[in-house]
Every structure is written in structure tokens, then in C-alpha cells.
Amino acid sequence: MLLEQWASEIKEKIHSSLSSTTFSTKKTLSERK
């Protein structure tokens, strides 16, 4: 039970950090044009 909750939390953190990184990268690329 605890392990599953911990794993899902890590997945959410990784997903949110990945999407925020992708967003900032796209923003930087569009600003450079």
C-alpha cells in the first residue's frame, strides 16, 4: 500500500518536472526567434 502510493507520487513528480522542462524549453526556443 505505502509502496504503491510512494511510486505514484514519484511518477507524478517526474511527469510534472518533465512537462515543466519541456514547457520552458519551448518557451526559450520561441523567444529566440
PDB file of N, CA and C in Angstrom:
ATOM      1  N   MET A   1       0.849  -1.203   0.000  1.00  0.00           N
ATOM      2  CA  MET A   1       0.000   0.000   0.000  1.00  0.00           C
ATOM      3  C   MET A   1       0.887   1.257   0.000  1.00  0.00           C
ATOM      4  N   LEU A   2       1.760   1.350   0.989  1.00  0.00           N
ATOM      5  CA  LEU A   2       2.629   2.527   1.065  1.00  0.00           C
ATOM      6  C   LEU A   2       3.535   2.619  -0.145  1.00  0.00           C
ATOM      7  N   LEU A   3       4.061   1.472  -0.566  1.00  0.00           N
ATOM      8  CA  LEU A   3       4.987   1.458  -1.697  1.00  0.00           C
ATOM      9  C   LEU A   3       4.298   1.960  -2.957  1.00  0.00           C
ATOM     10  N   GLU A   4       3.061   1.536  -3.174  1.00  0.00           N
ATOM     11  CA  GLU A   4       2.324   1.980  -4.370  1.00  0.00           C
ATOM     12  C   GLU A   4       2.090   3.482  -4.326  1.00  0.00           C
ATOM     13  N   GLN A   5       1.734   3.990  -3.155  1.00  0.00           N
ATOM     14  CA  GLN A   5       1.496   5.429  -3.003  1.00  0.00           C
ATOM     15  C   GLN A   5       2.777   6.199  -3.283  1.00  0.00           C
ATOM     16  N   TRP A   6       3.897   5.688  -2.760  1.00  0.00           N
ATOM     17  CA  TRP A   6       5.205   6.320  -2.951  1.00  0.00           C
ATOM     18  C   TRP A   6       5.579   6.330  -4.424  1.00  0.00           C
ATOM     19  N   ALA A   7       5.337   5.195  -5.104  1.00  0.00           N
ATOM     20  CA  ALA A   7       5.669   5.092  -6.531  1.00  0.00           C
ATOM     21  C   ALA A   7       4.824   6.063  -7.349  1.00  0.00           C
ATOM     22  N   SER A   8       3.546   6.169  -7.039  1.00  0.00           N
ATOM     23  CA  SER A   8       2.678   7.074  -7.805  1.00  0.00           C
ATOM     24  C   SER A   8       3.091   8.527  -7.568  1.00  0.00           C
ATOM     25  N   GLU A   9       3.513   8.840  -6.354  1.00  0.00           N
ATOM     26  CA  GLU A   9       3.962  10.213  -6.070  1.00  0.00           C
ATOM     27  C   GLU A   9       5.203  10.537  -6.886  1.00  0.00           C
ATOM     28  N   ILE A  10       6.133   9.594  -6.954  1.00  0.00           N
ATOM     29  CA  ILE A  10       7.367   9.813  -7.727  1.00  0.00           C
ATOM     30  C   ILE A  10       7.023   9.978  -9.195  1.00  0.00           C
ATOM     31  N   LYS A  11       6.100   9.150  -9.697  1.00  0.00           N
ATOM     32  CA  LYS A  11       5.700   9.254 -11.106  1.00  0.00           C
ATOM     33  C   LYS A  11       5.133  10.634 -11.382  1.00  0.00           C
ATOM     34  N   GLU A  12       4.303  11.122 -10.474  1.00  0.00           N
ATOM     35  CA  GLU A  12       3.701  12.450 -10.667  1.00  0.00           C
ATOM     36  C   GLU A  12       4.778  13.532 -10.656  1.00  0.00           C
ATOM     37  N   LYS A  13       5.724  13.422  -9.741  1.00  0.00           N
ATOM     38  CA  LYS A  13       6.801  14.427  -9.659  1.00  0.00           C
ATOM     39  C   LYS A  13       7.629  14.423 -10.933  1.00  0.00           C
ATOM     40  N   ILE A  14       7.975  13.220 -11.412  1.00  0.00           N
ATOM     41  CA  ILE A  14       8.775  13.120 -12.641  1.00  0.00           C
ATOM     42  C   ILE A  14       7.991  13.699 -13.808  1.00  0.00           C
ATOM     43  N   HIS A  15       6.712  13.343 -13.895  1.00  0.00           N
ATOM     44  CA  HIS A  15       5.886  13.821 -15.007  1.00  0.00           C
ATOM     45  C   HIS A  15       5.775  15.346 -14.982  1.00  0.00           C
ATOM     46  N   SER A  16       5.541  15.909 -13.808  1.00  0.00           N
ATOM     47  CA  SER A  16       5.388  17.369 -13.714  1.00  0.00           C
ATOM     48  C   SER A  16       6.708  18.074 -14.030  1.00  0.00           C
ATOM     49  N   SER A  17       7.808  17.510 -13.564  1.00  0.00           N
ATOM     50  CA  SER A  17       9.105  18.146 -13.845  1.00  0.00           C
ATOM     51  C   SER A  17       9.441  18.037 -15.324  1.00  0.00           C
ATOM     52  N   LEU A  18       9.079  16.900 -15.938  1.00  0.00           N
ATOM     53  CA  LEU A  18       9.339  16.726 -17.370  1.00  0.00           C
ATOM     54  C   LEU A  18       8.521  17.721 -18.176  1.00  0.00           C
ATOM     55  N   SER A  19       7.238  17.846 -17.856  1.00  0.00           N
ATOM     56  CA  SER A  19       6.380  18.755 -18.621  1.00  0.00           C
ATOM     57  C   SER A  19       6.809  20.209 -18.415  1.00  0.00           C
ATOM     58  N   SER A  20       7.236  20.549 -17.216  1.00  0.00           N
ATOM     59  CA  SER A  20       7.679  21.934 -16.974  1.00  0.00           C
ATOM     60  C   SER A  20       8.981  22.206 -17.717  1.00  0.00           C
ATOM     61  N   THR A  21       9.849  21.202 -17.787  1.00  0.00           N
ATOM     62  CA  THR A  21      11.104  21.365 -18.529  1.00  0.00           C
ATOM     63  C   THR A  21      10.805  21.542 -20.006  1.00  0.00           C
ATOM     64  N   THR A  22       9.895  20.722 -20.522  1.00  0.00           N
ATOM     65  CA  THR A  22       9.526  20.816 -21.939  1.00  0.00           C
ATOM     66  C   THR A  22       8.920  22.184 -22.222  1.00  0.00           C
ATOM     67  N   PHE A  23       8.065  22.651 -21.308  1.00  0.00           N
ATOM     68  CA  PHE A  23       7.417  23.946 -21.494  1.00  0.00           C
ATOM     69  C   PHE A  23       8.446  25.073 -21.522  1.00  0.00           C
ATOM     70  N   SER A  24       9.378  25.057 -20.574  1.00  0.00           N
ATOM     71  CA  SER A  24      10.389  26.126 -20.523  1.00  0.00           C
ATOM     72  C   SER A  24      11.300  26.058 -21.736  1.00  0.00           C
ATOM     73  N   THR A  25      11.583  24.848 -22.210  1.00  0.00           N
ATOM     74  CA  THR A  25      12.431  24.709 -23.405  1.00  0.00           C
ATOM     75  C   THR A  25      11.720  25.298 -24.609  1.00  0.00           C
ATOM     76  N   LYS A  26      10.435  24.972 -24.764  1.00  0.00           N
ATOM     77  CA  LYS A  26       9.676  25.516 -25.896  1.00  0.00           C
ATOM     78  C   LYS A  26       9.604  27.034 -25.798  1.00  0.00           C
ATOM     79  N   LYS A  27       9.418  27.533 -24.589  1.00  0.00           N
ATOM     80  CA  LYS A  27       9.327  28.979 -24.384  1.00  0.00           C
ATOM     81  C   LYS A  27      10.642  29.643 -24.785  1.00  0.00           C
ATOM     82  N   THR A  28      11.751  29.057 -24.366  1.00  0.00           N
ATOM     83  CA  THR A  28      13.066  29.622 -24.701  1.00  0.00           C
ATOM     84  C   THR A  28      13.283  29.605 -26.204  1.00  0.00           C
ATOM     85  N   LEU A  29      12.914  28.503 -26.845  1.00  0.00           N
ATOM     86  CA  LEU A  29      13.108  28.387 -28.292  1.00  0.00           C
ATOM     87  C   LEU A  29      12.270  29.427 -29.028  1.00  0.00           C
ATOM     88  N   SER A  30      11.032  29.613 -28.591  1.00  0.00           N
ATOM     89  CA  SER A  30      10.162  30.576 -29.277  1.00  0.00           C
ATOM     90  C   SER A  30      10.643  32.008 -29.026  1.00  0.00           C
ATOM     91  N   GLU A  31      11.234  32.255 -27.863  1.00  0.00           N
ATOM     92  CA  GLU A  31      11.724  33.612 -27.565  1.00  0.00           C
ATOM     93  C   GLU A  31      12.965  33.943 -28.388  1.00  0.00           C
ATOM     94  N   ARG A  32      13.732  32.934 -28.767  1.00  0.00           N
ATOM     95  CA  ARG A  32      14.969  33.181 -29.518  1.00  0.00           C
ATOM     96  C   ARG A  32      14.687  33.614 -30.950  1.00  0.00           C
ATOM     97  N   LYS A  33      13.552  33.222 -31.489  1.00  0.00           N
ATOM     98  CA  LYS A  33      13.244  33.553 -32.890  1.00  0.00           C
ATOM     99  C   LYS A  33      13.114  35.054 -33.096  1.00  0.00           C
TER     100      LYS A  33
END
